Amino acid sequence: MKSTEEKAIEIAKLMEDGKGNDVTLIDISELNSWTDYFVIVTVNSSTHWQGLYKQIKEYIKGNDLEIHLTNKKSPDGDDWNLVDLGPIVVHLMSPQAREFYDLEKLWHAGRKII
C-alpha cells in the first residue's frame, strides 16, 4: 500500500506530465490538522485545468482517495481551482493568482518535496 506522501508525489508528477507549470509539493502535516500535502500547479487556461482535473479523477480511482470538494475561487473558475482529496489538496492556479496568493511563501514552514 502506498503512503500518502507517495501518492502526493505521484499526483505532482502527473501534473507535470499534464504540462502543469512550476509544480510544487509541500508537506504541511506538522503545521495543521486538516491536510498533509499541498500540490500547487500553474495552469494556462480553464481547458488546461479541466484536463488536469480529469487526470486527478482518473488517478484517485485506484489509489484509495476521493474528492471531498472542488472549489472555484473566482466566478469564472479560471483563477484558482482547489481539489480537496482529504490528505492531499491540489491547487490549480492561474499565473496571476499564484503570484498574488503566493502559497509557497504562506506555507514556507512546510517541507518542500518538489
PDB file of N, CA and C in Angstrom:
ATOM      1  N   MET A   1       0.843  -1.184   0.000  1.00  0.00           N
ATOM      2  CA  MET A   1       0.000   0.000   0.000  1.00  0.00           C
ATOM      3  C   MET A   1       0.893   1.254   0.000  1.00  0.00           C
ATOM      4  N   LYS A   2       0.528   2.208  -0.823  1.00  0.00           N
ATOM      5  CA  LYS A   2       1.305   3.440  -0.935  1.00  0.00           C
ATOM      6  C   LYS A   2       1.029   4.361   0.250  1.00  0.00           C
ATOM      7  N   SER A   3       2.072   5.079   0.659  1.00  0.00           N
ATOM      8  CA  SER A   3       1.897   6.096   1.699  1.00  0.00           C
ATOM      9  C   SER A   3       1.250   7.332   1.075  1.00  0.00           C
ATOM     10  N   THR A   4       0.733   8.190   1.931  1.00  0.00           N
ATOM     11  CA  THR A   4       0.144   9.440   1.442  1.00  0.00           C
ATOM     12  C   THR A   4       1.192  10.273   0.719  1.00  0.00           C
ATOM     13  N   GLU A   5       2.415  10.280   1.229  1.00  0.00           N
ATOM     14  CA  GLU A   5       3.471  11.042   0.559  1.00  0.00           C
ATOM     15  C   GLU A   5       3.745  10.487  -0.831  1.00  0.00           C
ATOM     16  N   GLU A   6       3.779   9.177  -0.977  1.00  0.00           N
ATOM     17  CA  GLU A   6       3.992   8.585  -2.298  1.00  0.00           C
ATOM     18  C   GLU A   6       2.874   8.985  -3.261  1.00  0.00           C
ATOM     19  N   LYS A   7       1.647   8.994  -2.767  1.00  0.00           N
ATOM     20  CA  LYS A   7       0.512   9.411  -3.604  1.00  0.00           C
ATOM     21  C   LYS A   7       0.636  10.882  -3.988  1.00  0.00           C
ATOM     22  N   ALA A   8       1.032  11.722  -3.040  1.00  0.00           N
ATOM     23  CA  ALA A   8       1.198  13.153  -3.323  1.00  0.00           C
ATOM     24  C   ALA A   8       2.281  13.366  -4.379  1.00  0.00           C
ATOM     25  N   ILE A   9       3.370  12.622  -4.274  1.00  0.00           N
ATOM     26  CA  ILE A   9       4.450  12.725  -5.265  1.00  0.00           C
ATOM     27  C   ILE A   9       3.938  12.275  -6.635  1.00  0.00           C
ATOM     28  N   GLU A  10       3.176  11.187  -6.670  1.00  0.00           N
ATOM     29  CA  GLU A  10       2.634  10.718  -7.941  1.00  0.00           C
ATOM     30  C   GLU A  10       1.680  11.734  -8.559  1.00  0.00           C
ATOM     31  N   ILE A  11       0.862  12.374  -7.740  1.00  0.00           N
ATOM     32  CA  ILE A  11      -0.045  13.409  -8.260  1.00  0.00           C
ATOM     33  C   ILE A  11       0.753  14.587  -8.799  1.00  0.00           C
ATOM     34  N   ALA A  12       1.793  15.001  -8.076  1.00  0.00           N
ATOM     35  CA  ALA A  12       2.632  16.108  -8.552  1.00  0.00           C
ATOM     36  C   ALA A  12       3.268  15.752  -9.896  1.00  0.00           C
ATOM     37  N   LYS A  13       3.768  14.536 -10.025  1.00  0.00           N
ATOM     38  CA  LYS A  13       4.375  14.111 -11.292  1.00  0.00           C
ATOM     39  C   LYS A  13       3.329  14.019 -12.403  1.00  0.00           C
ATOM     40  N   LEU A  14       2.122  13.607 -12.045  1.00  0.00           N
ATOM     41  CA  LEU A  14       1.019  13.562 -13.007  1.00  0.00           C
ATOM     42  C   LEU A  14       0.715  14.972 -13.524  1.00  0.00           C
ATOM     43  N   MET A  15       0.764  15.960 -12.637  1.00  0.00           N
ATOM     44  CA  MET A  15       0.529  17.348 -13.034  1.00  0.00           C
ATOM     45  C   MET A  15       1.640  17.834 -13.958  1.00  0.00           C
ATOM     46  N   GLU A  16       2.883  17.436 -13.672  1.00  0.00           N
ATOM     47  CA  GLU A  16       3.992  17.791 -14.561  1.00  0.00           C
ATOM     48  C   GLU A  16       3.811  17.144 -15.932  1.00  0.00           C
ATOM     49  N   ASP A  17       3.416  15.865 -15.936  1.00  0.00           N
ATOM     50  CA  ASP A  17       3.199  15.161 -17.202  1.00  0.00           C
ATOM     51  C   ASP A  17       2.071  15.803 -18.014  1.00  0.00           C
ATOM     52  N   GLY A  18       1.102  16.400 -17.323  1.00  0.00           N
ATOM     53  CA  GLY A  18      -0.010  17.083 -17.981  1.00  0.00           C
ATOM     54  C   GLY A  18       0.323  18.515 -18.355  1.00  0.00           C
ATOM     55  N   LYS A  19       1.598  18.848 -18.321  1.00  0.00           N
ATOM     56  CA  LYS A  19       2.098  20.175 -18.703  1.00  0.00           C
ATOM     57  C   LYS A  19       1.718  21.274 -17.714  1.00  0.00           C
ATOM     58  N   GLY A  20       1.434  20.885 -16.458  1.00  0.00           N
ATOM     59  CA  GLY A  20       1.263  21.894 -15.417  1.00  0.00           C
ATOM     60  C   GLY A  20       2.600  22.585 -15.202  1.00  0.00           C
ATOM     61  N   ASN A  21       2.575  23.870 -14.978  1.00  0.00           N
ATOM     62  CA  ASN A  21       3.802  24.648 -14.833  1.00  0.00           C
ATOM     63  C   ASN A  21       4.168  24.835 -13.362  1.00  0.00           C
ATOM     64  N   ASP A  22       5.465  24.855 -13.097  1.00  0.00           N
ATOM     65  CA  ASP A  22       6.002  25.192 -11.777  1.00  0.00           C
ATOM     66  C   ASP A  22       5.303  24.382 -10.670  1.00  0.00           C
ATOM     67  N   VAL A  23       5.262  23.063 -10.843  1.00  0.00           N
ATOM     68  CA  VAL A  23       4.605  22.187  -9.867  1.00  0.00           C
ATOM     69  C   VAL A  23       5.425  22.158  -8.581  1.00  0.00           C
ATOM     70  N   THR A  24       4.739  22.370  -7.471  1.00  0.00           N
ATOM     71  CA  THR A  24       5.370  22.357  -6.156  1.00  0.00           C
ATOM     72  C   THR A  24       4.582  21.436  -5.241  1.00  0.00           C
ATOM     73  N   LEU A  25       5.301  20.658  -4.440  1.00  0.00           N
ATOM     74  CA  LEU A  25       4.681  19.780  -3.451  1.00  0.00           C
ATOM     75  C   LEU A  25       5.260  20.146  -2.090  1.00  0.00           C
ATOM     76  N   ILE A  26       4.368  20.461  -1.148  1.00  0.00           N
ATOM     77  CA  ILE A  26       4.790  20.867   0.193  1.00  0.00           C
ATOM     78  C   ILE A  26       4.118  19.972   1.230  1.00  0.00           C
ATOM     79  N   ASP A  27       4.916  19.425   2.140  1.00  0.00           N
ATOM     80  CA  ASP A  27       4.406  18.656   3.267  1.00  0.00           C
ATOM     81  C   ASP A  27       4.068  19.653   4.372  1.00  0.00           C
ATOM     82  N   ILE A  28       2.776  19.778   4.682  1.00  0.00           N
ATOM     83  CA  ILE A  28       2.345  20.711   5.735  1.00  0.00           C
ATOM     84  C   ILE A  28       1.713  19.958   6.911  1.00  0.00           C
ATOM     85  N   SER A  29       1.986  18.663   6.998  1.00  0.00           N
ATOM     86  CA  SER A  29       1.347  17.822   8.021  1.00  0.00           C
ATOM     87  C   SER A  29       1.664  18.258   9.446  1.00  0.00           C
ATOM     88  N   GLU A  30       2.811  18.842   9.660  1.00  0.00           N
ATOM     89  CA  GLU A  30       3.181  19.292  11.009  1.00  0.00           C
ATOM     90  C   GLU A  30       2.606  20.667  11.351  1.00  0.00           C
ATOM     91  N   LEU A  31       1.996  21.319  10.377  1.00  0.00           N
ATOM     92  CA  LEU A  31       1.548  22.702  10.562  1.00  0.00           C
ATOM     93  C   LEU A  31       0.049  22.845  10.765  1.00  0.00           C
ATOM     94  N   ASN A  32      -0.722  21.801  10.471  1.00  0.00           N
ATOM     95  CA  ASN A  32      -2.179  21.895  10.610  1.00  0.00           C
ATOM     96  C   ASN A  32      -2.774  20.507  10.792  1.00  0.00           C
ATOM     97  N   SER A  33      -4.075  20.449  11.010  1.00  0.00           N
ATOM     98  CA  SER A  33      -4.724  19.162  11.258  1.00  0.00           C
ATOM     99  C   SER A  33      -5.677  18.737  10.138  1.00  0.00           C
ATOM    100  N   TRP A  34      -5.865  19.544   9.118  1.00  0.00           N
ATOM    101  CA  TRP A  34      -6.889  19.243   8.122  1.00  0.00           C
ATOM    102  C   TRP A  34      -6.368  18.663   6.816  1.00  0.00           C
ATOM    103  N   THR A  35      -5.078  18.732   6.538  1.00  0.00           N
ATOM    104  CA  THR A  35      -4.498  18.078   5.365  1.00  0.00           C
ATOM    105  C   THR A  35      -3.008  17.902   5.588  1.00  0.00           C
ATOM    106  N   ASP A  36      -2.391  17.077   4.757  1.00  0.00           N
ATOM    107  CA  ASP A  36      -0.967  16.798   4.919  1.00  0.00           C
ATOM    108  C   ASP A  36      -0.088  17.398   3.821  1.00  0.00           C
ATOM    109  N   TYR A  37      -0.623  17.479   2.604  1.00  0.00           N
ATOM    110  CA  TYR A  37       0.188  17.914   1.463  1.00  0.00           C
ATOM    111  C   TYR A  37      -0.571  18.897   0.585  1.00  0.00           C
ATOM    112  N   PHE A  38       0.168  19.883   0.095  1.00  0.00           N
ATOM    113  CA  PHE A  38      -0.320  20.787  -0.939  1.00  0.00           C
ATOM    114  C   PHE A  38       0.444  20.486  -2.218  1.00  0.00           C
ATOM    115  N   VAL A  39      -0.296  20.296  -3.310  1.00  0.00           N
ATOM    116  CA  VAL A  39       0.288  20.256  -4.646  1.00  0.00           C
ATOM    117  C   VAL A  39      -0.175  21.548  -5.302  1.00  0.00           C
ATOM    118  N   ILE A  40       0.772  22.389  -5.695  1.00  0.00           N
ATOM    119  CA  ILE A  40       0.447  23.696  -6.274  1.00  0.00           C
ATOM    120  C   ILE A  40       0.922  23.690  -7.725  1.00  0.00           C
ATOM    121  N   VAL A  41       0.005  24.048  -8.627  1.00  0.00           N
ATOM    122  CA  VAL A  41       0.273  23.946 -10.059  1.00  0.00           C
ATOM    123  C   VAL A  41      -0.218  25.211 -10.762  1.00  0.00           C
ATOM    124  N   THR A  42       0.575  25.741 -11.664  1.00  0.00           N
ATOM    125  CA  THR A  42       0.140  26.854 -12.501  1.00  0.00           C
ATOM    126  C   THR A  42      -0.430  26.277 -13.796  1.00  0.00           C
ATOM    127  N   VAL A  43      -1.636  26.748 -14.148  1.00  0.00           N
ATOM    128  CA  VAL A  43      -2.299  26.301 -15.374  1.00  0.00           C
ATOM    129  C   VAL A  43      -2.464  27.488 -16.320  1.00  0.00           C
ATOM    130  N   ASN A  44      -2.602  27.178 -17.607  1.00  0.00           N
ATOM    131  CA  ASN A  44      -2.652  28.225 -18.622  1.00  0.00           C
ATOM    132  C   ASN A  44      -4.056  28.705 -18.965  1.00  0.00           C
ATOM    133  N   SER A  45      -5.072  27.859 -18.728  1.00  0.00           N
ATOM    134  CA  SER A  45      -6.435  28.188 -19.153  1.00  0.00           C
ATOM    135  C   SER A  45      -7.423  27.285 -18.434  1.00  0.00           C
ATOM    136  N   SER A  46      -8.708  27.585 -18.601  1.00  0.00           N
ATOM    137  CA  SER A  46      -9.722  26.716 -18.000  1.00  0.00           C
ATOM    138  C   SER A  46      -9.707  25.330 -18.653  1.00  0.00           C
ATOM    139  N   THR A  47      -9.401  25.269 -19.926  1.00  0.00           N
ATOM    140  CA  THR A  47      -9.300  23.978 -20.607  1.00  0.00           C
ATOM    141  C   THR A  47      -8.147  23.160 -20.032  1.00  0.00           C
ATOM    142  N   HIS A  48      -7.040  23.831 -19.745  1.00  0.00           N
ATOM    143  CA  HIS A  48      -5.874  23.165 -19.161  1.00  0.00           C
ATOM    144  C   HIS A  48      -6.219  22.617 -17.775  1.00  0.00           C
ATOM    145  N   TRP A  49      -6.868  23.427 -16.937  1.00  0.00           N
ATOM    146  CA  TRP A  49      -7.203  22.945 -15.588  1.00  0.00           C
ATOM    147  C   TRP A  49      -8.182  21.792 -15.672  1.00  0.00           C
ATOM    148  N   GLN A  50      -9.117  21.828 -16.623  1.00  0.00           N
ATOM    149  CA  GLN A  50     -10.077  20.735 -16.763  1.00  0.00           C
ATOM    150  C   GLN A  50      -9.377  19.430 -17.145  1.00  0.00           C
ATOM    151  N   GLY A  51      -8.372  19.538 -18.001  1.00  0.00           N
ATOM    152  CA  GLY A  51      -7.599  18.355 -18.375  1.00  0.00           C
ATOM    153  C   GLY A  51      -6.847  17.775 -17.191  1.00  0.00           C
ATOM    154  N   LEU A  52      -6.238  18.645 -16.386  1.00  0.00           N
ATOM    155  CA  LEU A  52      -5.521  18.182 -15.201  1.00  0.00           C
ATOM    156  C   LEU A  52      -6.495  17.593 -14.175  1.00  0.00           C
ATOM    157  N   TYR A  53      -7.653  18.217 -14.032  1.00  0.00           N
ATOM    158  CA  TYR A  53      -8.671  17.714 -13.115  1.00  0.00           C
ATOM    159  C   TYR A  53      -9.124  16.310 -13.528  1.00  0.00           C
ATOM    160  N   LYS A  54      -9.270  16.100 -14.813  1.00  0.00           N
ATOM    161  CA  LYS A  54      -9.649  14.782 -15.327  1.00  0.00           C
ATOM    162  C   LYS A  54      -8.573  13.752 -14.980  1.00  0.00           C
ATOM    163  N   GLN A  55      -7.302  14.135 -15.076  1.00  0.00           N
ATOM    164  CA  GLN A  55      -6.212  13.235 -14.719  1.00  0.00           C
ATOM    165  C   GLN A  55      -6.247  12.896 -13.224  1.00  0.00           C
ATOM    166  N   ILE A  56      -6.571  13.877 -12.389  1.00  0.00           N
ATOM    167  CA  ILE A  56      -6.698  13.634 -10.950  1.00  0.00           C
ATOM    168  C   ILE A  56      -7.819  12.628 -10.693  1.00  0.00           C
ATOM    169  N   LYS A  57      -8.955  12.826 -11.345  1.00  0.00           N
ATOM    170  CA  LYS A  57     -10.097  11.923 -11.165  1.00  0.00           C
ATOM    171  C   LYS A  57      -9.736  10.492 -11.574  1.00  0.00           C
ATOM    172  N   GLU A  58      -8.982  10.335 -12.643  1.00  0.00           N
ATOM    173  CA  GLU A  58      -8.556   9.006 -13.075  1.00  0.00           C
ATOM    174  C   GLU A  58      -7.594   8.395 -12.055  1.00  0.00           C
ATOM    175  N   TYR A  59      -6.671   9.199 -11.545  1.00  0.00           N
ATOM    176  CA  TYR A  59      -5.666   8.702 -10.602  1.00  0.00           C
ATOM    177  C   TYR A  59      -6.299   8.189  -9.310  1.00  0.00           C
ATOM    178  N   ILE A  60      -7.267   8.913  -8.780  1.00  0.00           N
ATOM    179  CA  ILE A  60      -7.798   8.551  -7.460  1.00  0.00           C
ATOM    180  C   ILE A  60      -8.586   7.241  -7.475  1.00  0.00           C
ATOM    181  N   LYS A  61      -9.051   6.815  -8.638  1.00  0.00           N
ATOM    182  CA  LYS A  61      -9.860   5.593  -8.719  1.00  0.00           C
ATOM    183  C   LYS A  61      -9.164   4.384  -8.101  1.00  0.00           C
ATOM    184  N   GLY A  62      -7.903   4.215  -8.353  1.00  0.00           N
ATOM    185  CA  GLY A  62      -7.189   3.043  -7.842  1.00  0.00           C
ATOM    186  C   GLY A  62      -6.258   3.344  -6.690  1.00  0.00           C
ATOM    187  N   ASN A  63      -6.402   4.492  -6.067  1.00  0.00           N
ATOM    188  CA  ASN A  63      -5.426   4.877  -5.059  1.00  0.00           C
ATOM    189  C   ASN A  63      -6.037   5.283  -3.727  1.00  0.00           C
ATOM    190  N   ASP A  64      -7.210   4.782  -3.428  1.00  0.00           N
ATOM    191  CA  ASP A  64      -7.840   4.980  -2.119  1.00  0.00           C
ATOM    192  C   ASP A  64      -7.922   6.457  -1.721  1.00  0.00           C
ATOM    193  N   LEU A  65      -8.276   7.299  -2.684  1.00  0.00           N
ATOM    194  CA  LEU A  65      -8.517   8.717  -2.438  1.00  0.00           C
ATOM    195  C   LEU A  65      -9.875   9.066  -3.017  1.00  0.00           C
ATOM    196  N   GLU A  66     -10.479  10.119  -2.510  1.00  0.00           N
ATOM    197  CA  GLU A  66     -11.730  10.598  -3.085  1.00  0.00           C
ATOM    198  C   GLU A  66     -11.755  12.115  -3.037  1.00  0.00           C
ATOM    199  N   ILE A  67     -12.513  12.683  -3.942  1.00  0.00           N
ATOM    200  CA  ILE A  67     -12.652  14.135  -3.981  1.00  0.00           C
ATOM    201  C   ILE A  67     -13.710  14.538  -2.963  1.00  0.00           C
ATOM    202  N   HIS A  68     -13.278  15.316  -1.970  1.00  0.00           N
ATOM    203  CA  HIS A  68     -14.192  15.811  -0.952  1.00  0.00           C
ATOM    204  C   HIS A  68     -14.828  17.129  -1.378  1.00  0.00           C
ATOM    205  N   LEU A  69     -14.067  17.903  -2.129  1.00  0.00           N
ATOM    206  CA  LEU A  69     -14.526  19.232  -2.508  1.00  0.00           C
ATOM    207  C   LEU A  69     -13.738  19.697  -3.719  1.00  0.00           C
ATOM    208  N   THR A  70     -14.427  20.331  -4.624  1.00  0.00           N
ATOM    209  CA  THR A  70     -13.781  21.082  -5.696  1.00  0.00           C
ATOM    210  C   THR A  70     -14.340  22.480  -5.588  1.00  0.00           C
ATOM    211  N   ASN A  71     -13.483  23.447  -5.454  1.00  0.00           N
ATOM    212  CA  ASN A  71     -13.939  24.804  -5.211  1.00  0.00           C
ATOM    213  C   ASN A  71     -13.259  25.766  -6.176  1.00  0.00           C
ATOM    214  N   LYS A  72     -14.054  26.612  -6.787  1.00  0.00           N
ATOM    215  CA  LYS A  72     -13.519  27.655  -7.664  1.00  0.00           C
ATOM    216  C   LYS A  72     -13.454  28.953  -6.867  1.00  0.00           C
ATOM    217  N   LYS A  73     -12.294  29.577  -6.888  1.00  0.00           N
ATOM    218  CA  LYS A  73     -12.093  30.793  -6.110  1.00  0.00           C
ATOM    219  C   LYS A  73     -12.423  32.061  -6.890  1.00  0.00           C
ATOM    220  N   SER A  74     -12.975  31.910  -8.088  1.00  0.00           N
ATOM    221  CA  SER A  74     -13.431  33.068  -8.850  1.00  0.00           C
ATOM    222  C   SER A  74     -14.674  32.651  -9.622  1.00  0.00           C
ATOM    223  N   PRO A  75     -15.547  33.587  -9.958  1.00  0.00           N
ATOM    224  CA  PRO A  75     -16.803  33.233 -10.624  1.00  0.00           C
ATOM    225  C   PRO A  75     -16.622  32.458 -11.929  1.00  0.00           C
ATOM    226  N   ASP A  76     -15.629  32.811 -12.717  1.00  0.00           N
ATOM    227  CA  ASP A  76     -15.439  32.119 -13.990  1.00  0.00           C
ATOM    228  C   ASP A  76     -14.572  30.873 -13.841  1.00  0.00           C
ATOM    229  N   GLY A  77     -13.996  30.665 -12.648  1.00  0.00           N
ATOM    230  CA  GLY A  77     -13.244  29.453 -12.376  1.00  0.00           C
ATOM    231  C   GLY A  77     -11.872  29.394 -13.001  1.00  0.00           C
ATOM    232  N   ASP A  78     -11.391  30.492 -13.565  1.00  0.00           N
ATOM    233  CA  ASP A  78     -10.098  30.457 -14.239  1.00  0.00           C
ATOM    234  C   ASP A  78      -8.915  30.793 -13.345  1.00  0.00           C
ATOM    235  N   ASP A  79      -9.152  31.374 -12.180  1.00  0.00           N
ATOM    236  CA  ASP A  79      -8.042  31.840 -11.364  1.00  0.00           C
ATOM    237  C   ASP A  79      -7.473  30.794 -10.412  1.00  0.00           C
ATOM    238  N   TRP A  80      -8.340  30.144  -9.647  1.00  0.00           N
ATOM    239  CA  TRP A  80      -7.868  29.214  -8.627  1.00  0.00           C
ATOM    240  C   TRP A  80      -8.911  28.131  -8.424  1.00  0.00           C
ATOM    241  N   ASN A  81      -8.549  26.922  -8.737  1.00  0.00           N
ATOM    242  CA  ASN A  81      -9.410  25.763  -8.526  1.00  0.00           C
ATOM    243  C   ASN A  81      -8.747  24.847  -7.516  1.00  0.00           C
ATOM    244  N   LEU A  82      -9.454  24.575  -6.442  1.00  0.00           N
ATOM    245  CA  LEU A  82      -8.945  23.762  -5.357  1.00  0.00           C
ATOM    246  C   LEU A  82      -9.617  22.390  -5.421  1.00  0.00           C
ATOM    247  N   VAL A  83      -8.819  21.327  -5.374  1.00  0.00           N
ATOM    248  CA  VAL A  83      -9.337  19.965  -5.377  1.00  0.00           C
ATOM    249  C   VAL A  83      -8.893  19.317  -4.064  1.00  0.00           C
ATOM    250  N   ASP A  84      -9.853  19.092  -3.167  1.00  0.00           N
ATOM    251  CA  ASP A  84      -9.585  18.542  -1.841  1.00  0.00           C
ATOM    252  C   ASP A  84      -9.723  17.027  -1.885  1.00  0.00           C
ATOM    253  N   LEU A  85      -8.615  16.334  -1.706  1.00  0.00           N
ATOM    254  CA  LEU A  85      -8.604  14.877  -1.689  1.00  0.00           C
ATOM    255  C   LEU A  85      -8.439  14.352  -0.260  1.00  0.00           C
ATOM    256  N   GLY A  86      -8.705  15.189   0.726  1.00  0.00           N
ATOM    257  CA  GLY A  86      -8.514  14.807   2.119  1.00  0.00           C
ATOM    258  C   GLY A  86      -7.089  15.102   2.545  1.00  0.00           C
ATOM    259  N   PRO A  87      -6.209  14.094   2.545  1.00  0.00           N
ATOM    260  CA  PRO A  87      -4.837  14.329   2.989  1.00  0.00           C
ATOM    261  C   PRO A  87      -3.978  15.089   1.978  1.00  0.00           C
ATOM    262  N   ILE A  88      -4.502  15.260   0.773  1.00  0.00           N
ATOM    263  CA  ILE A  88      -3.783  15.985  -0.291  1.00  0.00           C
ATOM    264  C   ILE A  88      -4.737  17.020  -0.877  1.00  0.00           C
ATOM    265  N   VAL A  89      -4.274  18.257  -0.974  1.00  0.00           N
ATOM    266  CA  VAL A  89      -5.068  19.315  -1.606  1.00  0.00           C
ATOM    267  C   VAL A  89      -4.287  19.819  -2.809  1.00  0.00           C
ATOM    268  N   VAL A  90      -4.948  19.789  -3.963  1.00  0.00           N
ATOM    269  CA  VAL A  90      -4.326  20.238  -5.209  1.00  0.00           C
ATOM    270  C   VAL A  90      -4.864  21.628  -5.536  1.00  0.00           C
ATOM    271  N   HIS A  91      -3.962  22.571  -5.755  1.00  0.00           N
ATOM    272  CA  HIS A  91      -4.308  23.944  -6.120  1.00  0.00           C
ATOM    273  C   HIS A  91      -3.922  24.148  -7.580  1.00  0.00           C
ATOM    274  N   LEU A  92      -4.916  24.341  -8.440  1.00  0.00           N
ATOM    275  CA  LEU A  92      -4.693  24.620  -9.856  1.00  0.00           C
ATOM    276  C   LEU A  92      -4.934  26.114 -10.047  1.00  0.00           C
ATOM    277  N   MET A  93      -3.859  26.875 -10.300  1.00  0.00           N
ATOM    278  CA  MET A  93      -3.937  28.332 -10.240  1.00  0.00           C
ATOM    279  C   MET A  93      -3.428  28.985 -11.521  1.00  0.00           C
ATOM    280  N   SER A  94      -4.067  30.104 -11.876  1.00  0.00           N
ATOM    281  CA  SER A  94      -3.550  30.913 -12.978  1.00  0.00           C
ATOM    282  C   SER A  94      -2.232  31.541 -12.523  1.00  0.00           C
ATOM    283  N   PRO A  95      -1.404  31.973 -13.467  1.00  0.00           N
ATOM    284  CA  PRO A  95      -0.161  32.635 -13.069  1.00  0.00           C
ATOM    285  C   PRO A  95      -0.411  33.851 -12.163  1.00  0.00           C
ATOM    286  N   GLN A  96      -1.467  34.609 -12.452  1.00  0.00           N
ATOM    287  CA  GLN A  96      -1.769  35.802 -11.662  1.00  0.00           C
ATOM    288  C   GLN A  96      -2.191  35.434 -10.239  1.00  0.00           C
ATOM    289  N   ALA A  97      -3.049  34.431 -10.101  1.00  0.00           N
ATOM    290  CA  ALA A  97      -3.491  34.005  -8.765  1.00  0.00           C
ATOM    291  C   ALA A  97      -2.321  33.416  -7.982  1.00  0.00           C
ATOM    292  N   ARG A  98      -1.491  32.659  -8.653  1.00  0.00           N
ATOM    293  CA  ARG A  98      -0.349  32.044  -7.964  1.00  0.00           C
ATOM    294  C   ARG A  98       0.588  33.106  -7.421  1.00  0.00           C
ATOM    295  N   GLU A  99       0.838  34.126  -8.214  1.00  0.00           N
ATOM    296  CA  GLU A  99       1.703  35.211  -7.760  1.00  0.00           C
ATOM    297  C   GLU A  99       1.047  35.991  -6.628  1.00  0.00           C
ATOM    298  N   PHE A 100      -0.240  36.283  -6.741  1.00  0.00           N
ATOM    299  CA  PHE A 100      -0.938  37.079  -5.744  1.00  0.00           C
ATOM    300  C   PHE A 100      -1.030  36.364  -4.393  1.00  0.00           C
ATOM    301  N   TYR A 101      -1.469  35.102  -4.404  1.00  0.00           N
ATOM    302  CA  TYR A 101      -1.675  34.369  -3.150  1.00  0.00           C
ATOM    303  C   TYR A 101      -0.388  33.786  -2.580  1.00  0.00           C
ATOM    304  N   ASP A 102       0.580  33.498  -3.419  1.00  0.00           N
ATOM    305  CA  ASP A 102       1.910  33.045  -3.014  1.00  0.00           C
ATOM    306  C   ASP A 102       1.863  32.010  -1.883  1.00  0.00           C
ATOM    307  N   LEU A 103       1.203  30.890  -2.157  1.00  0.00           N
ATOM    308  CA  LEU A 103       1.033  29.849  -1.146  1.00  0.00           C
ATOM    309  C   LEU A 103       2.366  29.304  -0.630  1.00  0.00           C
ATOM    310  N   GLU A 104       3.369  29.249  -1.499  1.00  0.00           N
ATOM    311  CA  GLU A 104       4.675  28.767  -1.053  1.00  0.00           C
ATOM    312  C   GLU A 104       5.244  29.653   0.062  1.00  0.00           C
ATOM    313  N   LYS A 105       5.055  30.944  -0.068  1.00  0.00           N
ATOM    314  CA  LYS A 105       5.538  31.856   0.974  1.00  0.00           C
ATOM    315  C   LYS A 105       4.678  31.732   2.241  1.00  0.00           C
ATOM    316  N   LEU A 106       3.372  31.618   2.044  1.00  0.00           N
ATOM    317  CA  LEU A 106       2.464  31.494   3.177  1.00  0.00           C
ATOM    318  C   LEU A 106       2.747  30.223   3.985  1.00  0.00           C
ATOM    319  N   TRP A 107       3.085  29.139   3.310  1.00  0.00           N
ATOM    320  CA  TRP A 107       3.346  27.858   3.955  1.00  0.00           C
ATOM    321  C   TRP A 107       4.843  27.534   3.950  1.00  0.00           C
ATOM    322  N   HIS A 108       5.679  28.550   4.065  1.00  0.00           N
ATOM    323  CA  HIS A 108       7.127  28.381   3.990  1.00  0.00           C
ATOM    324  C   HIS A 108       7.700  27.456   5.063  1.00  0.00           C
ATOM    325  N   ALA A 109       7.001  27.290   6.164  1.00  0.00           N
ATOM    326  CA  ALA A 109       7.492  26.425   7.241  1.00  0.00           C
ATOM    327  C   ALA A 109       7.298  24.946   6.905  1.00  0.00           C
ATOM    328  N   GLY A 110       6.553  24.658   5.842  1.00  0.00           N
ATOM    329  CA  GLY A 110       6.366  23.266   5.428  1.00  0.00           C
ATOM    330  C   GLY A 110       7.627  22.736   4.747  1.00  0.00           C
ATOM    331  N   ARG A 111       7.687  21.428   4.590  1.00  0.00           N
ATOM    332  CA  ARG A 111       8.840  20.785   3.951  1.00  0.00           C
ATOM    333  C   ARG A 111       8.567  20.673   2.456  1.00  0.00           C
ATOM    334  N   LYS A 112       9.370  21.368   1.668  1.00  0.00           N
ATOM    335  CA  LYS A 112       9.190  21.328   0.212  1.00  0.00           C
ATOM    336  C   LYS A 112       9.800  20.021  -0.315  1.00  0.00           C
ATOM    337  N   ILE A 113       8.959  19.249  -1.002  1.00  0.00           N
ATOM    338  CA  ILE A 113       9.394  17.959  -1.544  1.00  0.00           C
ATOM    339  C   ILE A 113       9.776  18.106  -3.007  1.00  0.00           C
ATOM    340  N   ILE A 114       8.959  18.830  -3.738  1.00  0.00           N
ATOM    341  CA  ILE A 114       9.229  19.114  -5.160  1.00  0.00           C
ATOM    342  C   ILE A 114       9.098  20.605  -5.351  1.00  0.00           C
TER     343      ILE A 114
END
